Amino acid sequence: MKAIQVNQVSKKFSQSLKYLMRYVPLDVGRSMLGLKRDAARLRRGEFWAVDDVSFELAPGERMGLIGRNGSGKSTLLKLLNGILLPDRGTIHIRGRVGALIEVGAGFHPLLTGRENIYINGAILGIKQAEIRRRFDEIVAFADIGDFLDSPVKFYSSGMYVRLGFAVAVHAEPDILLIDEVLAVGDFSFQKKCFDRLDAIAGRGTTIILVSHSMAAVQRLCPQALLLERGKTVFHGPTSEATAKYYESLLPSYEAKIDSRIVHRVPGSMVVLLTGLDLLDAEARPVQRVTSGDPLRFVLRLQVQDQALKQLPRVAIRILDAQTEELLANIQTPLQIIQEIRPDRDLTLVCDLPSLNLAPGIYQVEIKIGGDGEDLHEIALLKQPLEVNWSGYVVDNMSYKGRIFLPGEWRIGNGST
């Protein structure tokens, strides 16, 4: 039995208030007379926000919903939550739905956090006795401190999210819909959220996550649905869906670009990355290294505008693959930039004598320009970089750290 069945669903909207005011009375009148609404075709001034979308999810499955702004993600989520009704197609939901569609949804601004826990819980279908039983756990998860008995109108957006998410996940719904709200929380809260989502999915909760953070989608969802102008472009493994999403952002260029690279923020693309290699001490390609090993980055660039007088700053960025937290930013020195003549094809080499990262999975990203210059692009290597433990790091570093700094220790009297 499926938890969610979406069959050829479409939803249309009016492009302007003028057309909305024209069509709403007609549609209401037809409904009052028992006549069918003219929903199967577009009238003048209307467009399909969601167009012929179909998918199914079983209990416990997790799916990311991705696409550019205006692609129909939030509209589809509202259709699933029953806030909107489809103009065509059918949606079958089996089980209780919990939704986090916007920050502070369901909260009364003049009531306290304590009071809103009970109100929001009731909206989600939790009985008061059950809320009382889970109250302390909800408050501990939200971590809003002394603000529990303050009106929520004084809460920051992060506090809104923490409280709303805490109530939603402790309601233990059969289906949980999340729309981008986790982007407001800080790193530690996001990690706690993902751990909790893993746990409730393991107990059979079906989860749909809308996010512009591809790392968040990859972290939580084995599959993803990519929308473009309301239509399904791809539905399948998340790695393939995110690659197609990044490719959709890239304009058409004559440059031959390495297929291992995705251009996540195209920018002006006057200077673009066409190739990126990671090499070990023997100049062999690697994707897995040991902490403390040397690593060489070979960047191949192409300049689209021959009138460019100086190459922009190029940075190698290393990010946590799950949270997209920036851990290292290795920039080209200004002296090198001034010496380089920006020819059409250019290769830059950066040698790290020791990659002092704690073991883990990292994303390698290249940023060209920005920070006071025109941003030309941000590209990343599809395949993450895996860093393994070394005996030396195990003996000399806490497991909580992310970057290993090999200091020289000695016994002294404080002055030497």
Protein backbone atom coordinates (compact mmCIF):
# COMPACT_ATOMS: atom_id res chain seq x y z
CA MET A 1 0.00 0.00 0.00
CA LYS A 2 1.32 3.45 -0.96
CA ALA A 3 1.40 6.37 1.47
CA ILE A 4 1.18 8.95 -1.35
CA GLN A 5 -0.19 8.50 -4.87
CA VAL A 6 -0.10 11.48 -7.22
CA ASN A 7 -1.64 10.81 -10.63
CA GLN A 8 -1.32 13.35 -13.46
CA VAL A 9 -1.91 16.30 -11.14
CA SER A 10 -2.09 19.86 -12.51
CA LYS A 11 -2.81 23.22 -10.89
CA LYS A 12 -3.27 26.53 -12.67
CA PHE A 13 -3.18 30.13 -11.48
CA SER A 14 -4.05 33.52 -12.94
CA GLN A 15 -1.14 35.72 -13.97
CA SER A 16 -2.70 38.93 -12.66
CA LEU A 17 -5.38 40.23 -10.28
CA LYS A 18 -7.47 41.33 -13.27
CA TYR A 19 -7.91 37.78 -14.53
CA LEU A 20 -8.30 36.41 -11.00
CA MET A 21 -11.23 38.77 -10.32
CA ARG A 22 -12.78 37.76 -13.62
CA TYR A 23 -12.57 33.98 -13.17
CA VAL A 24 -13.23 33.49 -9.44
CA PRO A 25 -16.92 34.59 -9.55
CA LEU A 26 -17.48 32.39 -12.60
CA ASP A 27 -15.92 29.35 -10.92
CA VAL A 28 -17.82 29.93 -7.65
CA GLY A 29 -21.08 30.37 -9.54
CA ARG A 30 -20.60 27.14 -11.49
CA SER A 31 -19.83 25.27 -8.27
CA MET A 32 -22.98 26.63 -6.56
CA LEU A 33 -25.08 25.51 -9.53
CA GLY A 34 -23.54 22.05 -9.44
CA LEU A 35 -21.74 22.54 -12.74
CA LYS A 36 -18.18 21.40 -13.40
CA ARG A 37 -15.48 24.04 -13.31
CA ASP A 38 -13.67 24.73 -16.56
CA ALA A 39 -10.43 23.34 -15.10
CA ALA A 40 -9.09 21.16 -17.88
CA ARG A 41 -7.86 23.96 -20.12
CA LEU A 42 -6.06 27.26 -19.72
CA ARG A 43 -8.06 30.41 -20.11
CA ARG A 44 -6.58 33.74 -21.11
CA GLY A 45 -4.13 35.01 -18.49
CA GLU A 46 -3.65 31.62 -16.77
CA PHE A 47 -0.64 29.30 -16.52
CA TRP A 48 0.08 25.82 -15.18
CA ALA A 49 2.04 26.08 -11.92
CA VAL A 50 2.03 22.26 -11.73
CA ASP A 51 1.54 20.36 -14.97
CA ASP A 52 0.80 16.62 -15.21
CA VAL A 53 2.95 15.44 -12.28
CA SER A 54 2.80 11.81 -11.12
CA PHE A 55 4.69 9.82 -8.47
CA GLU A 56 4.17 7.30 -5.67
CA LEU A 57 5.83 6.89 -2.28
CA ALA A 58 5.60 3.93 0.10
CA PRO A 59 5.60 4.30 3.91
CA GLY A 60 9.08 5.29 5.14
CA GLU A 61 10.32 6.53 1.74
CA ARG A 62 11.99 9.94 1.49
CA MET A 63 11.95 12.14 -1.61
CA GLY A 64 13.51 15.51 -2.35
CA LEU A 65 11.58 18.04 -4.42
CA ILE A 66 14.02 20.30 -6.28
CA GLY A 67 14.02 22.91 -9.02
CA ARG A 68 14.52 26.60 -9.64
CA ASN A 69 12.36 29.29 -8.05
CA GLY A 70 8.95 29.21 -9.72
CA SER A 71 9.23 25.57 -10.81
CA GLY A 72 6.13 24.52 -8.81
CA LYS A 73 7.69 22.88 -5.73
CA SER A 74 5.79 24.77 -3.05
CA THR A 75 2.54 24.58 -5.02
CA LEU A 76 2.87 20.80 -5.25
CA LEU A 77 3.55 20.59 -1.50
CA LYS A 78 0.41 22.65 -0.79
CA LEU A 79 -1.59 20.31 -3.03
CA LEU A 80 -0.30 17.35 -1.04
CA ASN A 81 -1.22 19.08 2.22
CA GLY A 82 -4.75 19.88 1.04
CA ILE A 83 -4.25 23.65 1.16
CA LEU A 84 -4.89 23.74 -2.60
CA LEU A 85 -7.07 21.45 -4.73
CA PRO A 86 -5.83 20.13 -8.09
CA ASP A 87 -7.50 21.30 -11.29
CA ARG A 88 -6.71 17.99 -12.95
CA GLY A 89 -5.61 14.59 -11.70
CA THR A 90 -5.93 12.90 -8.31
CA ILE A 91 -4.01 12.76 -5.04
CA HIS A 92 -4.46 9.91 -2.55
CA ILE A 93 -2.94 10.31 0.92
CA ARG A 94 -3.02 7.49 3.46
CA GLY A 95 -2.27 8.59 7.00
CA ARG A 96 -1.92 11.74 9.07
CA VAL A 97 0.00 14.59 7.44
CA GLY A 98 2.35 16.98 9.24
CA ALA A 99 3.65 19.99 7.34
CA LEU A 100 6.31 22.66 7.80
CA ILE A 101 5.55 24.79 4.77
CA GLU A 102 6.52 28.21 6.08
CA VAL A 103 8.14 29.66 9.18
CA GLY A 104 5.65 30.24 11.98
CA ALA A 105 2.69 28.70 10.16
CA GLY A 106 -0.02 27.84 12.70
CA PHE A 107 1.43 30.05 15.46
CA HIS A 108 -0.55 32.88 17.07
CA PRO A 109 1.86 35.81 17.52
CA LEU A 110 0.30 37.07 20.76
CA LEU A 111 0.37 33.70 22.51
CA THR A 112 3.41 32.23 24.22
CA GLY A 113 5.56 29.41 22.95
CA ARG A 114 4.01 27.13 25.58
CA GLU A 115 0.46 27.95 24.43
CA ASN A 116 1.40 27.61 20.77
CA ILE A 117 2.79 24.12 21.35
CA TYR A 118 -0.73 23.00 22.36
CA ILE A 119 -2.40 24.92 19.53
CA ASN A 120 0.01 23.71 16.86
CA GLY A 121 -0.20 20.17 18.21
CA ALA A 122 -4.00 20.28 17.99
CA ILE A 123 -3.76 21.48 14.37
CA LEU A 124 -1.54 18.48 13.65
CA GLY A 125 -4.10 16.16 15.26
CA ILE A 126 -2.37 15.44 18.58
CA LYS A 127 -4.60 15.03 21.61
CA GLN A 128 -3.87 17.31 24.58
CA ALA A 129 -3.00 14.37 26.81
CA GLU A 130 -0.41 13.28 24.25
CA ILE A 131 1.02 16.81 24.02
CA ARG A 132 1.34 16.93 27.81
CA ARG A 133 3.16 13.61 27.77
CA ARG A 134 5.65 14.81 25.13
CA PHE A 135 5.83 18.44 26.27
CA ASP A 136 9.23 18.29 27.97
CA GLU A 137 10.73 16.43 25.01
CA ILE A 138 9.37 19.05 22.57
CA VAL A 139 10.73 21.93 24.67
CA ALA A 140 14.14 20.28 25.00
CA PHE A 141 14.34 19.73 21.25
CA ALA A 142 13.28 23.31 20.42
CA ASP A 143 15.90 24.72 22.81
CA ILE A 144 14.32 28.18 23.08
CA GLY A 145 15.44 28.67 26.67
CA ASP A 146 13.72 31.37 28.72
CA PHE A 147 11.51 32.41 25.79
CA LEU A 148 9.06 29.51 26.28
CA ASP A 149 6.61 31.79 28.12
CA SER A 150 7.15 34.84 25.89
CA PRO A 151 4.80 35.77 23.02
CA VAL A 152 6.12 34.23 19.81
CA LYS A 153 5.94 37.60 18.03
CA PHE A 154 9.22 38.32 19.82
CA TYR A 155 10.87 35.15 18.46
CA SER A 156 13.57 35.19 15.81
CA SER A 157 12.96 33.21 12.61
CA GLY A 158 15.33 30.54 13.94
CA MET A 159 13.30 30.18 17.15
CA TYR A 160 10.09 29.92 15.11
CA VAL A 161 11.61 27.09 13.08
CA ARG A 162 12.96 25.22 16.11
CA LEU A 163 9.61 25.31 17.87
CA GLY A 164 7.55 24.46 14.77
CA PHE A 165 9.85 21.62 13.78
CA ALA A 166 9.92 20.22 17.32
CA VAL A 167 6.11 20.04 17.47
CA ALA A 168 5.83 18.57 13.95
CA VAL A 169 8.32 15.74 14.39
CA HIS A 170 7.09 14.83 17.87
CA ALA A 171 3.57 14.54 16.46
CA GLU A 172 5.00 11.51 14.62
CA PRO A 173 2.87 11.99 11.48
CA ASP A 174 2.56 9.28 8.84
CA ILE A 175 3.64 11.82 6.21
CA LEU A 176 5.87 14.87 6.82
CA LEU A 177 6.13 17.70 4.28
CA ILE A 178 9.01 20.17 4.73
CA ASP A 179 9.48 23.30 2.62
CA GLU A 180 12.91 24.93 2.99
CA VAL A 181 12.37 25.95 6.62
CA LEU A 182 15.44 24.04 7.83
CA ALA A 183 17.65 26.54 6.00
CA VAL A 184 16.90 29.05 8.79
CA GLY A 185 18.38 26.93 11.57
CA ASP A 186 22.04 26.89 12.54
CA PHE A 187 24.41 23.99 11.91
CA SER A 188 23.86 22.18 15.22
CA PHE A 189 20.08 22.46 14.91
CA GLN A 190 20.13 21.20 11.32
CA LYS A 191 22.16 18.16 12.37
CA LYS A 192 19.69 17.45 15.18
CA CYS A 193 16.81 17.78 12.69
CA PHE A 194 18.35 15.37 10.21
CA ASP A 195 19.06 12.83 12.94
CA ARG A 196 15.43 13.08 14.05
CA LEU A 197 14.16 12.76 10.46
CA ASP A 198 16.30 9.64 10.00
CA ALA A 199 14.74 8.19 13.13
CA ILE A 200 11.10 8.85 12.22
CA ALA A 201 11.64 7.66 8.64
CA GLY A 202 12.98 4.42 10.11
CA ARG A 203 9.68 4.06 11.97
CA GLY A 204 7.72 4.42 8.73
CA THR A 205 7.11 8.17 8.25
CA THR A 206 7.12 9.22 4.60
CA ILE A 207 9.06 12.47 4.06
CA ILE A 208 9.07 14.99 1.22
CA LEU A 209 11.71 17.73 1.48
CA VAL A 210 11.71 20.89 -0.63
CA SER A 211 15.11 22.59 -0.53
CA HIS A 212 17.58 24.60 -2.59
CA SER A 213 20.38 22.93 -0.62
CA MET A 214 21.39 19.96 -2.72
CA ALA A 215 23.57 18.74 0.15
CA ALA A 216 20.51 18.61 2.43
CA VAL A 217 18.52 16.69 -0.19
CA GLN A 218 21.38 14.26 -0.78
CA ARG A 219 21.82 13.82 2.97
CA LEU A 220 18.19 12.88 3.62
CA CYS A 221 16.60 11.62 0.41
CA PRO A 222 17.64 8.61 -1.71
CA GLN A 223 15.38 9.85 -4.53
CA ALA A 224 14.41 13.26 -5.88
CA LEU A 225 11.88 14.80 -8.25
CA LEU A 226 13.17 17.66 -10.43
CA LEU A 227 10.57 20.18 -11.61
CA GLU A 228 10.92 22.82 -14.30
CA ARG A 229 8.00 25.17 -15.05
CA GLY A 230 5.63 22.79 -13.31
CA LYS A 231 6.65 19.70 -15.29
CA THR A 232 8.63 16.67 -14.16
CA VAL A 233 12.10 16.77 -15.71
CA PHE A 234 13.53 13.80 -13.82
CA HIS A 235 12.49 11.42 -11.04
CA GLY A 236 15.08 8.99 -9.74
CA PRO A 237 18.29 8.72 -7.71
CA THR A 238 19.15 11.97 -5.95
CA SER A 239 22.70 12.10 -7.32
CA GLU A 240 21.37 12.10 -10.90
CA ALA A 241 18.57 14.56 -10.09
CA THR A 242 20.92 17.09 -8.48
CA ALA A 243 23.38 16.79 -11.38
CA LYS A 244 20.56 17.56 -13.83
CA TYR A 245 19.46 20.48 -11.64
CA TYR A 246 22.94 22.01 -11.73
CA GLU A 247 23.16 21.43 -15.49
CA SER A 248 19.85 23.27 -15.96
CA LEU A 249 21.48 26.38 -14.46
CA LEU A 250 24.30 26.34 -16.99
CA PRO A 251 23.84 28.41 -20.17
CA SER A 252 24.87 26.98 -23.51
CA TYR A 253 28.59 27.44 -24.29
CA GLU A 254 30.92 26.09 -26.91
CA ALA A 255 33.51 25.14 -24.28
CA LYS A 256 34.07 21.41 -23.80
CA ILE A 257 33.43 20.90 -20.11
CA ASP A 258 34.51 17.90 -18.05
CA SER A 259 31.42 15.78 -17.30
CA ARG A 260 32.61 15.32 -13.71
CA ILE A 261 31.89 19.01 -13.02
CA VAL A 262 28.57 20.64 -12.22
CA HIS A 263 28.11 24.41 -12.46
CA ARG A 264 25.96 25.19 -9.44
CA VAL A 265 26.05 29.01 -9.71
CA PRO A 266 26.78 30.05 -13.32
CA GLY A 267 27.33 33.78 -12.69
CA SER A 268 28.55 35.70 -15.74
CA MET A 269 30.57 32.68 -17.04
CA VAL A 270 33.13 35.04 -18.59
CA VAL A 271 35.69 32.72 -16.96
CA LEU A 272 34.55 29.15 -16.40
CA LEU A 273 35.99 25.93 -15.06
CA THR A 274 36.30 23.28 -17.78
CA GLY A 275 38.28 20.66 -15.85
CA LEU A 276 39.43 19.74 -12.34
CA ASP A 277 41.79 16.94 -11.31
CA LEU A 278 42.89 15.79 -7.85
CA LEU A 279 46.32 14.13 -7.92
CA ASP A 280 48.43 12.35 -5.31
CA ALA A 281 52.20 12.67 -4.78
CA GLU A 282 52.79 10.40 -7.81
CA ALA A 283 50.54 12.57 -10.02
CA ARG A 284 47.86 9.85 -10.09
CA PRO A 285 44.14 10.82 -10.02
CA VAL A 286 42.58 10.23 -6.59
CA GLN A 287 39.19 10.60 -4.96
CA ARG A 288 40.18 9.04 -1.65
CA VAL A 289 43.15 10.26 0.41
CA THR A 290 44.56 9.82 3.90
CA SER A 291 44.56 12.74 6.28
CA GLY A 292 47.96 14.42 6.14
CA ASP A 293 48.80 13.25 2.60
CA PRO A 294 49.89 15.72 -0.08
CA LEU A 295 47.29 16.66 -2.67
CA ARG A 296 47.54 18.53 -5.99
CA PHE A 297 44.65 20.43 -7.58
CA VAL A 298 44.82 20.98 -11.35
CA LEU A 299 42.29 23.54 -12.62
CA ARG A 300 41.57 24.07 -16.30
CA LEU A 301 39.89 27.38 -17.09
CA GLN A 302 38.51 28.99 -20.21
CA VAL A 303 38.18 32.76 -20.74
CA GLN A 304 35.14 33.63 -22.88
CA ASP A 305 35.95 37.34 -23.19
CA GLN A 306 39.37 38.09 -24.71
CA ALA A 307 39.06 41.72 -23.59
CA LEU A 308 39.47 40.61 -19.98
CA LYS A 309 42.63 42.29 -18.70
CA GLN A 310 43.13 40.42 -15.44
CA LEU A 311 42.11 37.01 -14.24
CA PRO A 312 39.66 37.17 -11.31
CA ARG A 313 40.52 35.59 -7.97
CA VAL A 314 40.15 31.79 -8.08
CA ALA A 315 39.43 29.88 -4.86
CA ILE A 316 39.46 26.17 -4.05
CA ARG A 317 36.76 25.65 -1.44
CA ILE A 318 36.33 22.50 0.66
CA LEU A 319 32.88 21.99 2.16
CA ASP A 320 31.24 19.48 4.44
CA ALA A 321 29.33 17.28 1.99
CA GLN A 322 26.28 17.01 4.25
CA THR A 323 25.81 20.54 5.54
CA GLU A 324 27.68 22.61 2.88
CA GLU A 325 29.58 24.28 5.72
CA LEU A 326 32.69 25.96 4.31
CA LEU A 327 35.76 24.47 5.99
CA ALA A 328 38.66 25.72 3.85
CA ASN A 329 39.11 28.46 1.25
CA ILE A 330 42.42 28.35 -0.67
CA GLN A 331 42.77 31.45 -2.86
CA THR A 332 45.19 32.28 -5.63
CA PRO A 333 47.74 34.81 -4.32
CA LEU A 334 47.42 38.32 -5.72
CA GLN A 335 50.96 38.12 -7.11
CA ILE A 336 50.04 35.09 -9.26
CA ILE A 337 46.86 36.81 -10.49
CA GLN A 338 48.83 39.87 -11.58
CA GLU A 339 51.38 37.74 -13.46
CA ILE A 340 48.83 35.69 -15.41
CA ARG A 341 47.72 36.78 -18.85
CA PRO A 342 44.11 35.61 -19.20
CA ASP A 343 44.47 33.58 -22.41
CA ARG A 344 41.54 31.59 -23.74
CA ASP A 345 42.78 28.33 -22.19
CA LEU A 346 44.60 28.37 -18.88
CA THR A 347 45.77 25.78 -16.33
CA LEU A 348 46.38 26.53 -12.65
CA VAL A 349 48.11 24.12 -10.27
CA CYS A 350 47.87 24.25 -6.47
CA ASP A 351 49.95 21.90 -4.30
CA LEU A 352 49.03 21.17 -0.69
CA PRO A 353 51.98 19.57 1.12
CA SER A 354 49.56 18.11 3.69
CA LEU A 355 45.77 17.82 3.52
CA ASN A 356 45.10 18.28 7.22
CA LEU A 357 41.40 17.44 7.27
CA ALA A 358 39.76 15.09 9.71
CA PRO A 359 38.39 11.90 8.14
CA GLY A 360 35.05 12.40 6.43
CA ILE A 361 33.28 13.14 3.16
CA TYR A 362 33.94 16.55 1.59
CA GLN A 363 32.85 18.50 -1.47
CA VAL A 364 35.46 20.27 -3.61
CA GLU A 365 34.17 23.52 -5.08
CA ILE A 366 35.81 26.16 -7.27
CA LYS A 367 34.74 29.79 -7.00
CA ILE A 368 35.83 32.22 -9.72
CA GLY A 369 35.42 35.89 -8.81
CA GLY A 370 33.05 37.29 -6.21
CA ASP A 371 33.87 38.99 -2.87
CA GLY A 372 34.18 42.44 -4.42
CA GLU A 373 34.66 41.20 -8.00
CA ASP A 374 32.13 40.07 -10.59
CA LEU A 375 31.13 36.48 -9.83
CA HIS A 376 31.90 34.40 -12.91
CA GLU A 377 30.89 31.01 -11.57
CA ILE A 378 30.88 28.47 -8.74
CA ALA A 379 31.46 24.88 -9.87
CA LEU A 380 31.97 21.66 -7.96
CA LEU A 381 33.32 18.19 -8.52
CA LYS A 382 30.44 15.68 -8.69
CA GLN A 383 32.36 12.96 -6.87
CA PRO A 384 32.98 13.84 -3.21
CA LEU A 385 36.47 13.68 -1.70
CA GLU A 386 36.85 10.97 0.95
CA VAL A 387 39.48 11.49 3.64
CA ASN A 388 40.56 8.46 5.70
CA TRP A 389 42.21 8.26 9.11
CA SER A 390 45.95 8.12 9.51
CA GLY A 391 47.65 6.73 12.60
CA TYR A 392 49.31 10.07 13.29
CA VAL A 393 46.01 11.96 13.23
CA VAL A 394 44.31 9.35 15.41
CA ASP A 395 47.03 9.80 18.05
CA ASN A 396 47.11 13.60 17.94
CA MET A 397 43.61 14.91 17.22
CA SER A 398 40.24 14.93 18.94
CA TYR A 399 37.50 13.21 16.95
CA LYS A 400 35.37 16.39 17.30
CA GLY A 401 37.68 18.55 15.20
CA ARG A 402 37.38 19.04 11.44
CA ILE A 403 40.80 20.53 10.61
CA PHE A 404 44.06 19.11 11.99
CA LEU A 405 46.75 21.68 12.83
CA PRO A 406 50.03 19.89 13.61
CA GLY A 407 51.57 21.95 16.38
CA GLU A 408 55.03 21.41 17.80
CA TRP A 409 54.80 20.58 21.51
CA ARG A 410 57.59 20.68 24.06
CA ILE A 411 58.10 20.93 27.80
CA GLY A 412 59.07 24.45 28.85
CA ASN A 413 58.95 26.91 31.73
CA GLY A 414 56.57 29.33 30.02
CA SER A 415 59.23 31.78 28.79
CA THR A 416 60.92 29.51 26.24
